[in-house]
Amino acid sequence: MSNKFIAGVLLGAVAGTALVLFLNSEKGKELIKDLKEGAGKMQEDLSDLADDVLQKGRSFMDETEQAS
């Protein structure tokens, strides 16, 4: 094995350990909570947007049929 590979594995292990330790801290838990809330809000917004687009599409189709 080359020294670069070993250094990469060690660096990855250290970074992974640091990430786990951070995510288990209070700030990490708060970050996870904020991300979950943001994802939920984004899901609601996208659902609302999809509903609006479908409604406008249906209205357009109805208007097109009536104009024919």
N, C-alpha and C. Protein backbone atom coordinates (compact mmCIF):
# COMPACT_ATOMS: atom_id res chain seq x y z
N MET A 1 0.84 -1.18 0.00
CA MET A 1 0.00 0.00 0.00
C MET A 1 0.89 1.24 0.00
N SER A 2 0.39 2.25 -0.68
CA SER A 2 1.18 3.47 -0.75
C SER A 2 0.90 4.34 0.47
N ASN A 3 1.84 5.24 0.70
CA ASN A 3 1.69 6.16 1.84
C ASN A 3 0.49 7.08 1.66
N LYS A 4 0.18 7.45 0.42
CA LYS A 4 -0.96 8.34 0.16
C LYS A 4 -2.27 7.64 0.53
N PHE A 5 -2.37 6.35 0.23
CA PHE A 5 -3.58 5.61 0.55
C PHE A 5 -3.76 5.52 2.06
N ILE A 6 -2.69 5.19 2.77
CA ILE A 6 -2.76 5.08 4.22
C ILE A 6 -3.11 6.43 4.85
N ALA A 7 -2.50 7.49 4.33
CA ALA A 7 -2.79 8.83 4.84
C ALA A 7 -4.26 9.18 4.58
N GLY A 8 -4.78 8.80 3.42
CA GLY A 8 -6.18 9.07 3.09
C GLY A 8 -7.13 8.32 4.01
N VAL A 9 -6.81 7.06 4.30
CA VAL A 9 -7.65 6.27 5.20
C VAL A 9 -7.63 6.87 6.60
N LEU A 10 -6.46 7.25 7.08
CA LEU A 10 -6.36 7.85 8.41
C LEU A 10 -7.09 9.19 8.47
N LEU A 11 -6.93 9.99 7.45
CA LEU A 11 -7.62 11.28 7.41
C LEU A 11 -9.14 11.08 7.39
N GLY A 12 -9.61 10.11 6.62
CA GLY A 12 -11.04 9.81 6.57
C GLY A 12 -11.57 9.34 7.92
N ALA A 13 -10.78 8.52 8.60
CA ALA A 13 -11.19 8.03 9.91
C ALA A 13 -11.25 9.17 10.92
N VAL A 14 -10.28 10.05 10.89
CA VAL A 14 -10.26 11.19 11.81
C VAL A 14 -11.44 12.12 11.51
N ALA A 15 -11.69 12.39 10.23
CA ALA A 15 -12.81 13.26 9.86
C ALA A 15 -14.14 12.63 10.25
N GLY A 16 -14.29 11.35 10.04
CA GLY A 16 -15.51 10.65 10.42
C GLY A 16 -15.75 10.69 11.92
N THR A 17 -14.68 10.48 12.67
CA THR A 17 -14.78 10.52 14.13
C THR A 17 -15.18 11.91 14.60
N ALA A 18 -14.56 12.92 14.03
CA ALA A 18 -14.88 14.30 14.40
C ALA A 18 -16.34 14.62 14.08
N LEU A 19 -16.81 14.15 12.94
CA LEU A 19 -18.20 14.40 12.55
C LEU A 19 -19.17 13.72 13.52
N VAL A 20 -18.90 12.48 13.87
CA VAL A 20 -19.76 11.77 14.83
C VAL A 20 -19.78 12.48 16.18
N LEU A 21 -18.61 12.90 16.64
CA LEU A 21 -18.55 13.60 17.92
C LEU A 21 -19.32 14.91 17.87
N PHE A 22 -19.21 15.63 16.76
CA PHE A 22 -19.94 16.89 16.62
C PHE A 22 -21.44 16.66 16.60
N LEU A 23 -21.88 15.67 15.81
CA LEU A 23 -23.31 15.44 15.68
C LEU A 23 -23.94 14.93 16.97
N ASN A 24 -23.14 14.37 17.86
CA ASN A 24 -23.66 13.92 19.14
C ASN A 24 -23.60 15.01 20.22
N SER A 25 -22.99 16.14 19.90
CA SER A 25 -22.95 17.25 20.85
C SER A 25 -24.27 18.01 20.80
N GLU A 26 -24.48 18.93 21.72
CA GLU A 26 -25.71 19.73 21.74
C GLU A 26 -25.86 20.55 20.46
N LYS A 27 -24.77 21.16 20.00
CA LYS A 27 -24.84 21.95 18.77
C LYS A 27 -25.15 21.06 17.57
N GLY A 28 -24.59 19.87 17.56
CA GLY A 28 -24.85 18.93 16.48
C GLY A 28 -26.30 18.49 16.47
N LYS A 29 -26.84 18.21 17.65
CA LYS A 29 -28.24 17.81 17.75
C LYS A 29 -29.16 18.94 17.31
N GLU A 30 -28.78 20.17 17.67
CA GLU A 30 -29.56 21.34 17.25
C GLU A 30 -29.51 21.50 15.73
N LEU A 31 -28.33 21.26 15.16
CA LEU A 31 -28.18 21.34 13.70
C LEU A 31 -29.07 20.30 13.02
N ILE A 32 -29.06 19.09 13.53
CA ILE A 32 -29.90 18.03 12.94
C ILE A 32 -31.37 18.41 13.04
N LYS A 33 -31.78 18.94 14.19
CA LYS A 33 -33.17 19.36 14.39
C LYS A 33 -33.54 20.45 13.38
N ASP A 34 -32.65 21.44 13.21
CA ASP A 34 -32.90 22.52 12.26
C ASP A 34 -33.00 22.00 10.83
N LEU A 35 -32.13 21.05 10.49
CA LEU A 35 -32.17 20.48 9.14
C LEU A 35 -33.46 19.72 8.89
N LYS A 36 -33.91 18.97 9.90
CA LYS A 36 -35.17 18.24 9.76
C LYS A 36 -36.34 19.20 9.60
N GLU A 37 -36.36 20.27 10.39
CA GLU A 37 -37.44 21.26 10.29
C GLU A 37 -37.41 21.93 8.92
N GLY A 38 -36.21 22.27 8.45
CA GLY A 38 -36.08 22.89 7.14
C GLY A 38 -36.53 21.97 6.02
N ALA A 39 -36.19 20.69 6.14
CA ALA A 39 -36.62 19.72 5.13
C ALA A 39 -38.13 19.56 5.14
N GLY A 40 -38.72 19.55 6.32
CA GLY A 40 -40.18 19.46 6.41
C GLY A 40 -40.86 20.66 5.79
N LYS A 41 -40.33 21.85 6.07
CA LYS A 41 -40.88 23.08 5.50
C LYS A 41 -40.74 23.06 3.98
N MET A 42 -39.59 22.61 3.50
CA MET A 42 -39.36 22.55 2.05
C MET A 42 -40.34 21.57 1.40
N GLN A 43 -40.59 20.45 2.06
CA GLN A 43 -41.54 19.48 1.53
C GLN A 43 -42.94 20.08 1.44
N GLU A 44 -43.34 20.81 2.47
CA GLU A 44 -44.65 21.48 2.45
C GLU A 44 -44.72 22.50 1.31
N ASP A 45 -43.65 23.30 1.17
CA ASP A 45 -43.63 24.32 0.12
C ASP A 45 -43.72 23.69 -1.27
N LEU A 46 -42.98 22.59 -1.47
CA LEU A 46 -43.00 21.93 -2.78
C LEU A 46 -44.37 21.30 -3.05
N SER A 47 -44.98 20.77 -2.02
CA SER A 47 -46.31 20.19 -2.17
C SER A 47 -47.32 21.28 -2.54
N ASP A 48 -47.24 22.42 -1.87
CA ASP A 48 -48.12 23.54 -2.19
C ASP A 48 -47.89 24.02 -3.62
N LEU A 49 -46.63 24.09 -4.03
CA LEU A 49 -46.30 24.52 -5.38
C LEU A 49 -46.86 23.54 -6.41
N ALA A 50 -46.71 22.25 -6.15
CA ALA A 50 -47.24 21.24 -7.06
C ALA A 50 -48.76 21.35 -7.17
N ASP A 51 -49.42 21.55 -6.05
CA ASP A 51 -50.87 21.73 -6.07
C ASP A 51 -51.27 22.94 -6.90
N ASP A 52 -50.55 24.04 -6.74
CA ASP A 52 -50.84 25.26 -7.51
C ASP A 52 -50.65 25.02 -9.01
N VAL A 53 -49.56 24.35 -9.37
CA VAL A 53 -49.28 24.08 -10.78
C VAL A 53 -50.37 23.18 -11.37
N LEU A 54 -50.76 22.15 -10.63
CA LEU A 54 -51.83 21.27 -11.12
C LEU A 54 -53.14 22.02 -11.28
N GLN A 55 -53.46 22.86 -10.33
CA GLN A 55 -54.71 23.65 -10.41
C GLN A 55 -54.69 24.58 -11.62
N LYS A 56 -53.56 25.24 -11.83
CA LYS A 56 -53.46 26.15 -12.98
C LYS A 56 -53.52 25.38 -14.29
N GLY A 57 -52.91 24.18 -14.30
CA GLY A 57 -52.97 23.35 -15.50
C GLY A 57 -54.39 22.91 -15.80
N ARG A 58 -55.12 22.52 -14.76
CA ARG A 58 -56.52 22.12 -14.96
C ARG A 58 -57.36 23.30 -15.45
N SER A 59 -57.14 24.46 -14.86
CA SER A 59 -57.87 25.66 -15.29
C SER A 59 -57.57 25.98 -16.74
N PHE A 60 -56.32 25.87 -17.13
CA PHE A 60 -55.93 26.13 -18.51
C PHE A 60 -56.61 25.15 -19.45
N MET A 61 -56.61 23.88 -19.06
CA MET A 61 -57.25 22.86 -19.91
C MET A 61 -58.75 23.13 -20.03
N ASP A 62 -59.39 23.49 -18.92
CA ASP A 62 -60.82 23.80 -18.96
C ASP A 62 -61.11 24.99 -19.87
N GLU A 63 -60.31 26.03 -19.77
CA GLU A 63 -60.48 27.22 -20.61
C GLU A 63 -60.26 26.88 -22.08
N THR A 64 -59.28 26.03 -22.36
CA THR A 64 -58.99 25.62 -23.74
C THR A 64 -60.15 24.82 -24.32
N GLU A 65 -60.71 23.91 -23.51
CA GLU A 65 -61.83 23.10 -23.97
C GLU A 65 -63.06 23.98 -24.23
N GLN A 66 -63.29 24.97 -23.36
CA GLN A 66 -64.44 25.85 -23.54
C GLN A 66 -64.30 26.75 -24.75
N ALA A 67 -63.05 27.11 -25.08
CA ALA A 67 -62.81 27.99 -26.22
C ALA A 67 -62.96 27.23 -27.54
N SER A 68 -62.85 25.92 -27.50
CA SER A 68 -62.96 25.13 -28.75
C SER A 68 -64.35 25.04 -29.26
